[in-house]
Structure formats: C-alpha cells, structure tokens
Amino acid sequence: MVRAVWNGVVLAESEQTLVVEGNHYFPPEALHNEYFADSSSRTLCPWKGIAHYYDVTVDGRTNPGAAWFYPRPSPLARKIKNHVAFWHGVVVEESHETATERRA
C-alpha cells in the first residue's frame, strides 16, 4: 500500500502506483477528492507533456500546487494519464503489510 499524507491526513492511497522518475503516480480513483481543487498552474515536461496541478486543502490549510497530473501526456508517458503525483511537503509512504494485517 502506498499513501500520500499531508497535514496528518491521507490524501491518496493505492496498492498500485506507477513510479516515474522516482515519483509515485496514483490512479485517479485513489484520491480522496474532498482535499483537491484545480489550480491554474501549468508546467511543461519535455518528454511527458503539460502538467496540470491541484491545490490541496486540509483543515483550512492550503498547499498550492502540491499535486500534479498529465491529462494529455505525450505518447511516451501515456501510462500516467490522469495519475497524480505529489511534492511540496506531501509525504509518500510505502507500507508492506498485507490486507489481512491491516484488518487485524
């Protein structure tokens, strides 16, 4: 299980992320959407394309541009389409416990 945590709250969690350039990209359904708002920020990656950003808000604190994704990635990066990665203090944690251990 991989989790993205900021301000003491799990923003996203998934058993299957894609790792590109050392960043875990979470599938869109792994996000806890109530913490995300569209940002007008954009950046260009020479091989992935134009990144779009989300601002993350938890308990009244906002972390601008803390998550990014590629809605229309280049053909080389097509696997990460709409998957979300994090930075700006968001901690990505990997857990190696099994589903049975989590239920205990």
Protein backbone atom coordinates (compact mmCIF):
# COMPACT_ATOMS: atom_id res chain seq x y z
CA MET A 1 0.00 0.00 0.00
CA VAL A 2 1.26 3.47 -0.90
CA ARG A 3 -0.18 6.58 0.78
CA ALA A 4 0.24 10.31 0.22
CA VAL A 5 -0.06 12.20 3.53
CA TRP A 6 -0.10 15.91 4.31
CA ASN A 7 -1.08 17.79 7.45
CA GLY A 8 -1.86 14.46 9.15
CA VAL A 9 -4.42 13.36 6.54
CA VAL A 10 -4.22 10.64 3.87
CA LEU A 11 -4.78 12.35 0.52
CA ALA A 12 -4.48 9.24 -1.64
CA GLU A 13 -3.82 5.54 -1.18
CA SER A 14 -3.37 2.68 -3.60
CA GLU A 15 -1.86 -0.74 -3.88
CA GLN A 16 -0.84 0.05 -7.46
CA THR A 17 1.00 3.25 -8.27
CA LEU A 18 3.23 3.90 -11.26
CA VAL A 19 6.74 5.10 -10.45
CA VAL A 20 8.26 7.54 -12.94
CA GLU A 21 11.47 9.45 -12.20
CA GLY A 22 11.19 8.43 -8.53
CA ASN A 23 7.64 9.78 -8.12
CA HIS A 24 4.64 7.59 -7.30
CA TYR A 25 1.72 8.39 -9.60
CA PHE A 26 -1.61 7.42 -8.01
CA PRO A 27 -4.58 6.37 -10.14
CA PRO A 28 -7.37 8.98 -10.07
CA GLU A 29 -9.71 6.71 -8.10
CA ALA A 30 -7.13 6.54 -5.26
CA LEU A 31 -7.58 10.23 -4.39
CA HIS A 32 -9.74 11.48 -1.54
CA ASN A 33 -11.25 14.16 -3.77
CA GLU A 34 -12.53 16.40 -0.98
CA TYR A 35 -8.95 17.68 -0.44
CA PHE A 36 -8.26 18.69 -4.06
CA ALA A 37 -9.08 21.82 -6.06
CA ASP A 38 -7.99 22.63 -9.59
CA SER A 39 -5.11 25.06 -9.88
CA SER A 40 -4.39 27.30 -12.85
CA SER A 41 -0.70 26.33 -12.67
CA ARG A 42 0.86 24.52 -15.61
CA THR A 43 4.38 23.39 -16.39
CA LEU A 44 5.95 21.69 -19.40
CA CYS A 45 7.98 18.50 -19.18
CA PRO A 46 9.96 17.88 -22.38
CA TRP A 47 9.00 14.20 -22.54
CA LYS A 48 5.75 13.91 -20.55
CA GLY A 49 3.90 16.99 -21.77
CA ILE A 50 1.97 19.72 -19.93
CA ALA A 51 1.41 19.09 -16.23
CA HIS A 52 -1.72 20.41 -14.53
CA TYR A 53 -1.83 20.99 -10.77
CA TYR A 54 -4.12 20.65 -7.80
CA ASP A 55 -4.10 22.76 -4.65
CA VAL A 56 -4.53 20.58 -1.56
CA THR A 57 -6.53 21.85 1.43
CA VAL A 58 -6.70 20.08 4.80
CA ASP A 59 -8.21 21.60 7.96
CA GLY A 60 -8.20 25.11 6.48
CA ARG A 61 -4.53 24.95 5.38
CA THR A 62 -3.83 25.07 1.65
CA ASN A 63 -0.75 23.66 -0.05
CA PRO A 64 -0.77 25.32 -3.50
CA GLY A 65 0.20 23.12 -6.43
CA ALA A 66 1.05 20.17 -4.19
CA ALA A 67 -0.17 17.58 -6.70
CA TRP A 68 0.24 17.30 -10.45
CA PHE A 69 -1.05 15.17 -13.30
CA TYR A 70 -0.95 14.91 -17.08
CA PRO A 71 -4.42 14.94 -18.68
CA ARG A 72 -2.94 14.66 -22.19
CA PRO A 73 0.55 13.18 -21.81
CA SER A 74 2.89 12.53 -24.69
CA PRO A 75 2.79 9.04 -26.20
CA LEU A 76 5.90 8.11 -24.18
CA ALA A 77 4.08 8.88 -20.91
CA ARG A 78 0.61 7.58 -21.81
CA LYS A 79 0.59 5.14 -18.86
CA ILE A 80 0.42 8.02 -16.35
CA LYS A 81 -2.53 9.79 -17.97
CA ASN A 82 -4.57 11.43 -15.18
CA HIS A 83 -2.47 9.73 -12.47
CA VAL A 84 -1.48 12.11 -9.67
CA ALA A 85 1.94 12.68 -8.09
CA PHE A 86 2.87 14.84 -5.10
CA TRP A 87 5.52 17.22 -3.76
CA HIS A 88 5.71 20.41 -1.60
CA GLY A 89 5.83 18.55 1.69
CA VAL A 90 3.37 15.77 0.89
CA VAL A 91 4.93 12.58 2.22
CA VAL A 92 4.55 9.41 0.18
CA GLU A 93 4.73 6.34 2.42
CA GLU A 94 5.10 2.73 1.35
CA SER A 95 3.68 0.01 3.58
CA HIS A 96 4.43 -3.65 3.03
CA GLU A 97 1.66 -5.04 5.24
CA THR A 98 -0.92 -7.37 3.75
CA ALA A 99 -4.67 -6.81 3.63
CA THR A 100 -5.07 -9.36 6.44
CA GLU A 101 -2.59 -7.45 8.63
CA ARG A 102 -4.46 -4.16 8.01
CA ARG A 103 -7.76 -5.69 9.16
CA ALA A 104 -6.26 -7.05 12.40
